């Protein structure tokens, strides 16, 4: 046998030594895997120096626990994405379905939005059969007048002032002077007139339909009537029991 074909001296001994050292090199890794499995409750004592068993246990743990969790996560994410991306038209986008090519459609004739039937004509328009109503469309109470006073001071007093004379702070700074509520024309106007003006505006006064709901508009109109009465009331307008109290308070 030639020298080149002979095994190197000590090569067999080195191979045997490498086989003995392999488990020792992988021992720290096996110990780390063992700690993971022990914390997960699936710990099995591997044979001494058997890092292959520890690695296999880690793979089984991943297959049994991590893969199902990942599957549930993908399922949840997929459902959320599907609900977020429903078929819809973006504003002003062209439509191939309708003949006019527009995706924005007008409501069907006589459509009424939920909660907006507004069948009570007097309450919502201040008119009955086209004529302005002369009475409040619901009972007048102290609470209604108090609400009307509070809303009047917020929306009306800046121009009409708190007495209704038409000399509010806005007018004092140059805005057009509104008529006083105490002139004869407005004292004789039906209460529906004030509701109609608040709803549609009048002259330089804008409408307040968006800011003040119908019931509050009626409450303000009722308070305007109270202001008019307070400026032109007589002792005969006071109830008898209250009249005696007033007379007793005279100096």
C-alpha atoms as a PDB file:
ATOM      1  CA  UNK A   1       0.000   0.000   0.000  1.00  0.00           C
ATOM      2  CA  UNK A   2       1.394   3.351  -0.935  1.00  0.00           C
ATOM      3  CA  UNK A   3       1.882   6.117   1.617  1.00  0.00           C
ATOM      4  CA  UNK A   4      -0.843   8.248   0.023  1.00  0.00           C
ATOM      5  CA  UNK A   5      -3.486   5.530   0.410  1.00  0.00           C
ATOM      6  CA  UNK A   6      -2.727   4.895   4.068  1.00  0.00           C
ATOM      7  CA  UNK A   7      -4.971   6.565   6.616  1.00  0.00           C
ATOM      8  CA  UNK A   8      -3.281   9.373   8.398  1.00  0.00           C
ATOM      9  CA  UNK A   9      -1.860   8.551  11.724  1.00  0.00           C
ATOM     10  CA  UNK A  10      -4.331   9.230  14.466  1.00  0.00           C
ATOM     11  CA  UNK A  11      -7.232  10.030  12.091  1.00  0.00           C
ATOM     12  CA  UNK A  12      -9.431   7.321  13.630  1.00  0.00           C
ATOM     13  CA  UNK A  13      -8.705   8.600  17.064  1.00  0.00           C
ATOM     14  CA  UNK A  14      -9.694  12.154  16.000  1.00  0.00           C
ATOM     15  CA  UNK A  15     -13.018  10.951  14.550  1.00  0.00           C
ATOM     16  CA  UNK A  16     -13.876   9.101  17.745  1.00  0.00           C
ATOM     17  CA  UNK A  17     -12.953  12.178  19.764  1.00  0.00           C
ATOM     18  CA  UNK A  18     -15.229  14.411  17.576  1.00  0.00           C
ATOM     19  CA  UNK A  19     -18.137  12.008  18.078  1.00  0.00           C
ATOM     20  CA  UNK A  20     -17.662  12.209  21.824  1.00  0.00           C
ATOM     21  CA  UNK A  21     -17.433  16.016  21.770  1.00  0.00           C
ATOM     22  CA  UNK A  22     -20.565  16.610  19.588  1.00  0.00           C
ATOM     23  CA  UNK A  23     -23.083  16.203  22.447  1.00  0.00           C
ATOM     24  CA  UNK A  24     -20.892  18.376  24.635  1.00  0.00           C
ATOM     25  CA  UNK A  25     -20.865  21.179  22.037  1.00  0.00           C
ATOM     26  CA  UNK A  26     -24.661  21.109  21.766  1.00  0.00           C
ATOM     27  CA  UNK A  27     -25.300  20.755  25.487  1.00  0.00           C
ATOM     28  CA  UNK A  28     -25.943  24.521  26.112  1.00  0.00           C
ATOM     29  CA  UNK A  29     -28.466  24.614  23.234  1.00  0.00           C
ATOM     30  CA  UNK A  30     -30.238  21.526  24.558  1.00  0.00           C
ATOM     31  CA  UNK A  31     -30.418  23.017  28.006  1.00  0.00           C
ATOM     32  CA  UNK A  32     -32.050  26.197  26.606  1.00  0.00           C
ATOM     33  CA  UNK A  33     -34.625  24.132  24.705  1.00  0.00           C
ATOM     34  CA  UNK A  34     -35.287  22.156  27.845  1.00  0.00           C
ATOM     35  CA  UNK A  35     -36.053  25.330  29.781  1.00  0.00           C
ATOM     36  CA  UNK A  36     -38.526  26.442  27.069  1.00  0.00           C
ATOM     37  CA  UNK A  37     -40.318  23.110  27.129  1.00  0.00           C
ATOM     38  CA  UNK A  38     -40.383  23.024  30.907  1.00  0.00           C
ATOM     39  CA  UNK A  39     -42.005  26.474  31.076  1.00  0.00           C
ATOM     40  CA  UNK A  40     -44.603  25.368  28.473  1.00  0.00           C
ATOM     41  CA  UNK A  41     -45.575  22.313  30.517  1.00  0.00           C
ATOM     42  CA  UNK A  42     -44.397  19.759  27.965  1.00  0.00           C
ATOM     43  CA  UNK A  43     -41.060  18.887  29.518  1.00  0.00           C
ATOM     44  CA  UNK A  44     -39.654  15.406  29.038  1.00  0.00           C
ATOM     45  CA  UNK A  45     -36.266  14.513  30.434  1.00  0.00           C
ATOM     46  CA  UNK A  46     -34.007  13.808  27.439  1.00  0.00           C
ATOM     47  CA  UNK A  47     -31.309  11.255  27.529  1.00  0.00           C
ATOM     48  CA  UNK A  48     -27.952  12.451  28.689  1.00  0.00           C
ATOM     49  CA  UNK A  49     -26.223  14.319  25.900  1.00  0.00           C
ATOM     50  CA  UNK A  50     -29.065  13.834  23.417  1.00  0.00           C
ATOM     51  CA  UNK A  51     -29.534  17.273  21.843  1.00  0.00           C
ATOM     52  CA  UNK A  52     -31.487  15.727  18.964  1.00  0.00           C
ATOM     53  CA  UNK A  53     -34.327  14.763  21.332  1.00  0.00           C
ATOM     54  CA  UNK A  54     -34.513  18.300  22.724  1.00  0.00           C
ATOM     55  CA  UNK A  55     -34.634  19.814  19.241  1.00  0.00           C
ATOM     56  CA  UNK A  56     -37.406  17.407  18.230  1.00  0.00           C
ATOM     57  CA  UNK A  57     -39.420  18.385  21.288  1.00  0.00           C
ATOM     58  CA  UNK A  58     -39.081  22.037  20.348  1.00  0.00           C
ATOM     59  CA  UNK A  59     -40.380  21.302  16.856  1.00  0.00           C
ATOM     60  CA  UNK A  60     -43.334  19.369  18.264  1.00  0.00           C
ATOM     61  CA  UNK A  61     -44.094  22.274  20.606  1.00  0.00           C
ATOM     62  CA  UNK A  62     -44.050  24.709  17.675  1.00  0.00           C
ATOM     63  CA  UNK A  63     -46.307  22.466  15.590  1.00  0.00           C
ATOM     64  CA  UNK A  64     -48.839  21.965  18.397  1.00  0.00           C
ATOM     65  CA  UNK A  65     -48.987  25.497  19.821  1.00  0.00           C
ATOM     66  CA  UNK A  66     -47.502  28.134  17.555  1.00  0.00           C
ATOM     67  CA  UNK A  67     -48.969  27.021  14.233  1.00  0.00           C
ATOM     68  CA  UNK A  68     -52.619  26.930  15.481  1.00  0.00           C
ATOM     69  CA  UNK A  69     -52.137  30.343  17.095  1.00  0.00           C
ATOM     70  CA  UNK A  70     -50.792  31.729  13.840  1.00  0.00           C
ATOM     71  CA  UNK A  71     -53.756  30.223  12.003  1.00  0.00           C
ATOM     72  CA  UNK A  72     -56.250  31.914  14.340  1.00  0.00           C
ATOM     73  CA  UNK A  73     -54.407  35.206  13.925  1.00  0.00           C
ATOM     74  CA  UNK A  74     -54.614  34.991  10.142  1.00  0.00           C
ATOM     75  CA  UNK A  75     -58.316  34.130  10.371  1.00  0.00           C
ATOM     76  CA  UNK A  76     -59.087  37.147  12.557  1.00  0.00           C
ATOM     77  CA  UNK A  77     -57.045  39.515  10.400  1.00  0.00           C
ATOM     78  CA  UNK A  78     -58.675  38.167   7.266  1.00  0.00           C
ATOM     79  CA  UNK A  79     -62.201  38.712   8.631  1.00  0.00           C
ATOM     80  CA  UNK A  80     -61.448  42.284   9.654  1.00  0.00           C
ATOM     81  CA  UNK A  81     -59.942  43.084   6.277  1.00  0.00           C
ATOM     82  CA  UNK A  82     -62.902  41.567   4.451  1.00  0.00           C
ATOM     83  CA  UNK A  83     -65.399  43.695   6.422  1.00  0.00           C
ATOM     84  CA  UNK A  84     -63.338  46.842   5.934  1.00  0.00           C
ATOM     85  CA  UNK A  85     -63.124  46.428   2.158  1.00  0.00           C
ATOM     86  CA  UNK A  86     -66.798  45.985   1.299  1.00  0.00           C
ATOM     87  CA  UNK A  87     -67.938  46.881  -2.230  1.00  0.00           C
ATOM     88  CA  UNK A  88     -68.922  50.542  -2.332  1.00  0.00           C
ATOM     89  CA  UNK A  89     -68.824  53.665  -4.462  1.00  0.00           C
ATOM     90  CA  UNK A  90     -66.465  56.487  -3.576  1.00  0.00           C
ATOM     91  CA  UNK A  91     -68.021  59.997  -3.761  1.00  0.00           C
ATOM     92  CA  UNK A  92     -68.544  61.191  -7.343  1.00  0.00           C
ATOM     93  CA  UNK A  93     -67.215  57.947  -8.815  1.00  0.00           C
ATOM     94  CA  UNK A  94     -68.731  56.922 -12.151  1.00  0.00           C
ATOM     95  CA  UNK A  95     -71.086  53.950 -12.211  1.00  0.00           C
ATOM     96  CA  UNK A  96     -71.558  51.547 -15.090  1.00  0.00           C
ATOM     97  CA  UNK A  97     -74.766  50.161 -13.566  1.00  0.00           C
ATOM     98  CA  UNK A  98     -77.028  53.225 -13.873  1.00  0.00           C
ATOM     99  CA  UNK A  99     -77.969  54.710 -17.219  1.00  0.00           C
ATOM    100  CA  UNK A 100     -76.826  58.230 -16.334  1.00  0.00           C
ATOM    101  CA  UNK A 101     -73.435  56.938 -15.166  1.00  0.00           C
ATOM    102  CA  UNK A 102     -73.721  58.549 -11.735  1.00  0.00           C
ATOM    103  CA  UNK A 103     -73.209  56.553  -8.541  1.00  0.00           C
ATOM    104  CA  UNK A 104     -74.891  59.268  -6.424  1.00  0.00           C
ATOM    105  CA  UNK A 105     -78.647  58.678  -6.474  1.00  0.00           C
ATOM    106  CA  UNK A 106     -81.526  60.947  -5.527  1.00  0.00           C
ATOM    107  CA  UNK A 107     -84.013  59.634  -2.935  1.00  0.00           C
ATOM    108  CA  UNK A 108     -87.143  57.965  -4.254  1.00  0.00           C
ATOM    109  CA  UNK A 109     -90.008  60.509  -4.544  1.00  0.00           C
ATOM    110  CA  UNK A 110     -91.933  61.005  -1.274  1.00  0.00           C
ATOM    111  CA  UNK A 111     -89.115  59.424   0.733  1.00  0.00           C
ATOM    112  CA  UNK A 112     -89.136  60.465   4.402  1.00  0.00           C
ATOM    113  CA  UNK A 113     -86.056  60.031   6.566  1.00  0.00           C
ATOM    114  CA  UNK A 114     -86.587  58.130   9.799  1.00  0.00           C
ATOM    115  CA  UNK A 115     -87.652  60.533  12.536  1.00  0.00           C
ATOM    116  CA  UNK A 116     -88.416  63.376  10.082  1.00  0.00           C
ATOM    117  CA  UNK A 117     -92.027  62.766   9.098  1.00  0.00           C
ATOM    118  CA  UNK A 118     -93.014  66.205  10.504  1.00  0.00           C
ATOM    119  CA  UNK A 119     -96.702  65.460  10.079  1.00  0.00           C
ATOM    120  CA  UNK A 120     -97.730  68.208  12.544  1.00  0.00           C
ATOM    121  CA  UNK A 121     -97.897  71.141  10.138  1.00  0.00           C
ATOM    122  CA  UNK A 122     -98.548  73.786  12.785  1.00  0.00           C
ATOM    123  CA  UNK A 123     -95.665  72.634  14.990  1.00  0.00           C
ATOM    124  CA  UNK A 124     -93.051  72.372  12.233  1.00  0.00           C
ATOM    125  CA  UNK A 125     -94.068  75.281   9.982  1.00  0.00           C
ATOM    126  CA  UNK A 126     -95.999  77.700  12.174  1.00  0.00           C
ATOM    127  CA  UNK A 127     -98.860  77.530   9.696  1.00  0.00           C
ATOM    128  CA  UNK A 128    -102.168  75.721   9.346  1.00  0.00           C
ATOM    129  CA  UNK A 129    -103.570  75.432   5.813  1.00  0.00           C
ATOM    130  CA  UNK A 130    -101.187  78.151   4.708  1.00  0.00           C
ATOM    131  CA  UNK A 131    -102.128  80.732   7.392  1.00  0.00           C
ATOM    132  CA  UNK A 132     -99.943  81.659  10.359  1.00  0.00           C
ATOM    133  CA  UNK A 133    -101.190  80.104  13.591  1.00  0.00           C
ATOM    134  CA  UNK A 134    -102.251  82.345  16.446  1.00  0.00           C
ATOM    135  CA  UNK A 135    -101.717  79.976  19.355  1.00  0.00           C
ATOM    136  CA  UNK A 136     -98.894  77.854  20.733  1.00  0.00           C
ATOM    137  CA  UNK A 137     -99.123  74.271  19.386  1.00  0.00           C
ATOM    138  CA  UNK A 138     -98.546  72.794  22.874  1.00  0.00           C
ATOM    139  CA  UNK A 139     -99.477  73.823  26.440  1.00  0.00           C
ATOM    140  CA  UNK A 140     -97.689  76.855  27.866  1.00  0.00           C
ATOM    141  CA  UNK A 141     -95.930  76.198  31.180  1.00  0.00           C
ATOM    142  CA  UNK A 142     -93.417  77.981  33.374  1.00  0.00           C
ATOM    143  CA  UNK A 143     -90.733  75.593  32.114  1.00  0.00           C
ATOM    144  CA  UNK A 144     -91.488  76.564  28.500  1.00  0.00           C
ATOM    145  CA  UNK A 145     -91.127  80.277  29.305  1.00  0.00           C
ATOM    146  CA  UNK A 146     -87.893  79.678  31.216  1.00  0.00           C
ATOM    147  CA  UNK A 147     -86.501  77.725  28.292  1.00  0.00           C
ATOM    148  CA  UNK A 148     -87.611  80.461  25.902  1.00  0.00           C
ATOM    149  CA  UNK A 149     -85.909  83.130  27.999  1.00  0.00           C
ATOM    150  CA  UNK A 150     -82.652  81.166  28.101  1.00  0.00           C
ATOM    151  CA  UNK A 151     -82.632  80.548  24.329  1.00  0.00           C
ATOM    152  CA  UNK A 152     -83.706  84.168  23.614  1.00  0.00           C
ATOM    153  CA  UNK A 153     -80.770  85.510  25.606  1.00  0.00           C
ATOM    154  CA  UNK A 154     -78.403  83.263  23.624  1.00  0.00           C
ATOM    155  CA  UNK A 155     -79.622  83.741  20.046  1.00  0.00           C
ATOM    156  CA  UNK A 156     -81.811  86.880  19.987  1.00  0.00           C
ATOM    157  CA  UNK A 157     -80.520  89.303  22.620  1.00  0.00           C
ATOM    158  CA  UNK A 158     -77.274  90.170  20.748  1.00  0.00           C
ATOM    159  CA  UNK A 159     -79.428  92.108  18.240  1.00  0.00           C
ATOM    160  CA  UNK A 160     -82.825  92.583  19.929  1.00  0.00           C
ATOM    161  CA  UNK A 161     -81.381  93.145  23.456  1.00  0.00           C
ATOM    162  CA  UNK A 162     -82.902  91.408  26.462  1.00  0.00           C
ATOM    163  CA  UNK A 163     -85.978  93.625  26.549  1.00  0.00           C
ATOM    164  CA  UNK A 164     -86.815  93.201  22.859  1.00  0.00           C
ATOM    165  CA  UNK A 165     -86.317  96.890  22.041  1.00  0.00           C
ATOM    166  CA  UNK A 166     -83.846  96.147  19.228  1.00  0.00           C
ATOM    167  CA  UNK A 167     -80.788  97.836  20.706  1.00  0.00           C
ATOM    168  CA  UNK A 168     -78.445  94.895  21.279  1.00  0.00           C
ATOM    169  CA  UNK A 169     -74.671  95.020  21.379  1.00  0.00           C
ATOM    170  CA  UNK A 170     -74.405  94.038  17.700  1.00  0.00           C
ATOM    171  CA  UNK A 171     -76.634  96.986  16.757  1.00  0.00           C
ATOM    172  CA  UNK A 172     -74.581  99.330  18.941  1.00  0.00           C
ATOM    173  CA  UNK A 173     -71.559  98.361  16.857  1.00  0.00           C
ATOM    174  CA  UNK A 174     -73.114  99.209  13.519  1.00  0.00           C
ATOM    175  CA  UNK A 175     -75.453  96.347  12.555  1.00  0.00           C
ATOM    176  CA  UNK A 176     -78.837  97.251  11.098  1.00  0.00           C
ATOM    177  CA  UNK A 177     -81.370  98.192  13.777  1.00  0.00           C
ATOM    178  CA  UNK A 178     -84.197  95.587  13.996  1.00  0.00           C
ATOM    179  CA  UNK A 179     -87.752  96.684  14.828  1.00  0.00           C
ATOM    180  CA  UNK A 180     -88.808  96.675  18.454  1.00  0.00           C
ATOM    181  CA  UNK A 181     -91.107  93.870  19.547  1.00  0.00           C
ATOM    182  CA  UNK A 182     -93.223  96.509  21.266  1.00  0.00           C
ATOM    183  CA  UNK A 183     -94.432  98.332  18.178  1.00  0.00           C
ATOM    184  CA  UNK A 184     -98.104  97.900  17.387  1.00  0.00           C
ATOM    185  CA  UNK A 185     -97.490  95.869  14.211  1.00  0.00           C
ATOM    186  CA  UNK A 186     -95.571  93.144  16.044  1.00  0.00           C
ATOM    187  CA  UNK A 187     -97.826  93.236  19.087  1.00  0.00           C
ATOM    188  CA  UNK A 188    -100.737  92.383  16.787  1.00  0.00           C
ATOM    189  CA  UNK A 189     -98.806  89.774  14.759  1.00  0.00           C
ATOM    190  CA  UNK A 190     -99.787  86.131  15.374  1.00  0.00           C
ATOM    191  CA  UNK A 191     -97.319  84.044  17.347  1.00  0.00           C
ATOM    192  CA  UNK A 192     -96.696  81.949  14.231  1.00  0.00           C
ATOM    193  CA  UNK A 193     -95.065  85.020  12.649  1.00  0.00           C
ATOM    194  CA  UNK A 194     -92.122  84.894  15.057  1.00  0.00           C
ATOM    195  CA  UNK A 195     -91.723  81.161  14.507  1.00  0.00           C
ATOM    196  CA  UNK A 196     -91.768  81.688  10.738  1.00  0.00           C
ATOM    197  CA  UNK A 197     -89.145  84.455  10.900  1.00  0.00           C
ATOM    198  CA  UNK A 198     -86.837  82.278  13.025  1.00  0.00           C
ATOM    199  CA  UNK A 199     -87.314  79.426  10.559  1.00  0.00           C
ATOM    200  CA  UNK A 200     -86.831  81.315   7.275  1.00  0.00           C
ATOM    201  CA  UNK A 201     -85.212  84.612   8.243  1.00  0.00           C
ATOM    202  CA  UNK A 202     -86.494  88.105   7.442  1.00  0.00           C
ATOM    203  CA  UNK A 203     -84.684  91.044   5.848  1.00  0.00           C
ATOM    204  CA  UNK A 204     -81.119  91.179   7.166  1.00  0.00           C
ATOM    205  CA  UNK A 205     -81.863  88.548   9.806  1.00  0.00           C
ATOM    206  CA  UNK A 206     -80.692  85.055   8.796  1.00  0.00           C
ATOM    207  CA  UNK A 207     -82.686  81.959   9.610  1.00  0.00           C
ATOM    208  CA  UNK A 208     -81.964  79.973  12.777  1.00  0.00           C
ATOM    209  CA  UNK A 209     -83.516  76.675  11.725  1.00  0.00           C
ATOM    210  CA  UNK A 210     -80.221  74.813  12.057  1.00  0.00           C
ATOM    211  CA  UNK A 211     -79.259  76.331  15.404  1.00  0.00           C
ATOM    212  CA  UNK A 212     -82.639  76.270  17.161  1.00  0.00           C
ATOM    213  CA  UNK A 213     -84.943  73.206  17.016  1.00  0.00           C
ATOM    214  CA  UNK A 214     -88.711  73.717  16.484  1.00  0.00           C
ATOM    215  CA  UNK A 215     -89.764  73.374  20.121  1.00  0.00           C
ATOM    216  CA  UNK A 216     -87.164  75.927  21.222  1.00  0.00           C
ATOM    217  CA  UNK A 217     -88.368  78.297  18.487  1.00  0.00           C
ATOM    218  CA  UNK A 218     -91.862  78.077  19.917  1.00  0.00           C
ATOM    219  CA  UNK A 219     -90.497  78.633  23.430  1.00  0.00           C
ATOM    220  CA  UNK A 220     -88.728  81.798  22.214  1.00  0.00           C
ATOM    221  CA  UNK A 221     -91.918  82.998  20.514  1.00  0.00           C
ATOM    222  CA  UNK A 222     -93.820  82.474  23.769  1.00  0.00           C
ATOM    223  CA  UNK A 223     -91.190  84.461  25.662  1.00  0.00           C
ATOM    224  CA  UNK A 224     -91.447  87.287  23.108  1.00  0.00           C
ATOM    225  CA  UNK A 225     -95.170  87.400  23.882  1.00  0.00           C
ATOM    226  CA  UNK A 226     -94.293  87.657  27.579  1.00  0.00           C
ATOM    227  CA  UNK A 227     -91.921  90.563  26.855  1.00  0.00           C
ATOM    228  CA  UNK A 228     -94.649  92.349  24.906  1.00  0.00           C
ATOM    229  CA  UNK A 229     -97.138  91.813  27.706  1.00  0.00           C
ATOM    230  CA  UNK A 230     -94.713  93.047  30.360  1.00  0.00           C
ATOM    231  CA  UNK A 231     -94.299  96.388  28.528  1.00  0.00           C
ATOM    232  CA  UNK A 232     -98.033  96.957  27.995  1.00  0.00           C
ATOM    233  CA  UNK A 233     -99.711  95.115  30.890  1.00  0.00           C
ATOM    234  CA  UNK A 234    -102.344  96.713  33.143  1.00  0.00           C
ATOM    235  CA  UNK A 235    -103.444  95.766  36.668  1.00  0.00           C
ATOM    236  CA  UNK A 236    -106.463  94.075  35.111  1.00  0.00           C
ATOM    237  CA  UNK A 237    -104.138  91.566  33.435  1.00  0.00           C
ATOM    238  CA  UNK A 238    -102.844  90.348  36.828  1.00  0.00           C
ATOM    239  CA  UNK A 239    -104.757  87.460  38.517  1.00  0.00           C
ATOM    240  CA  UNK A 240    -106.821  88.639  41.534  1.00  0.00           C
ATOM    241  CA  UNK A 241    -104.738  86.804  44.135  1.00  0.00           C
ATOM    242  CA  UNK A 242    -101.518  88.229  42.706  1.00  0.00           C
ATOM    243  CA  UNK A 243    -103.085  91.666  42.326  1.00  0.00           C
ATOM    244  CA  UNK A 244    -103.672  91.917  46.079  1.00  0.00           C
ATOM    245  CA  UNK A 245    -100.036  91.013  46.670  1.00  0.00           C
ATOM    246  CA  UNK A 246     -98.862  93.728  44.300  1.00  0.00           C
ATOM    247  CA  UNK A 247    -101.143  96.332  45.855  1.00  0.00           C
ATOM    248  CA  UNK A 248     -99.847  95.412  49.305  1.00  0.00           C
ATOM    249  CA  UNK A 249     -96.274  96.027  48.171  1.00  0.00           C
ATOM    250  CA  UNK A 250     -96.923  99.642  47.154  1.00  0.00           C
ATOM    251  CA  UNK A 251     -94.980 102.159  49.312  1.00  0.00           C
END
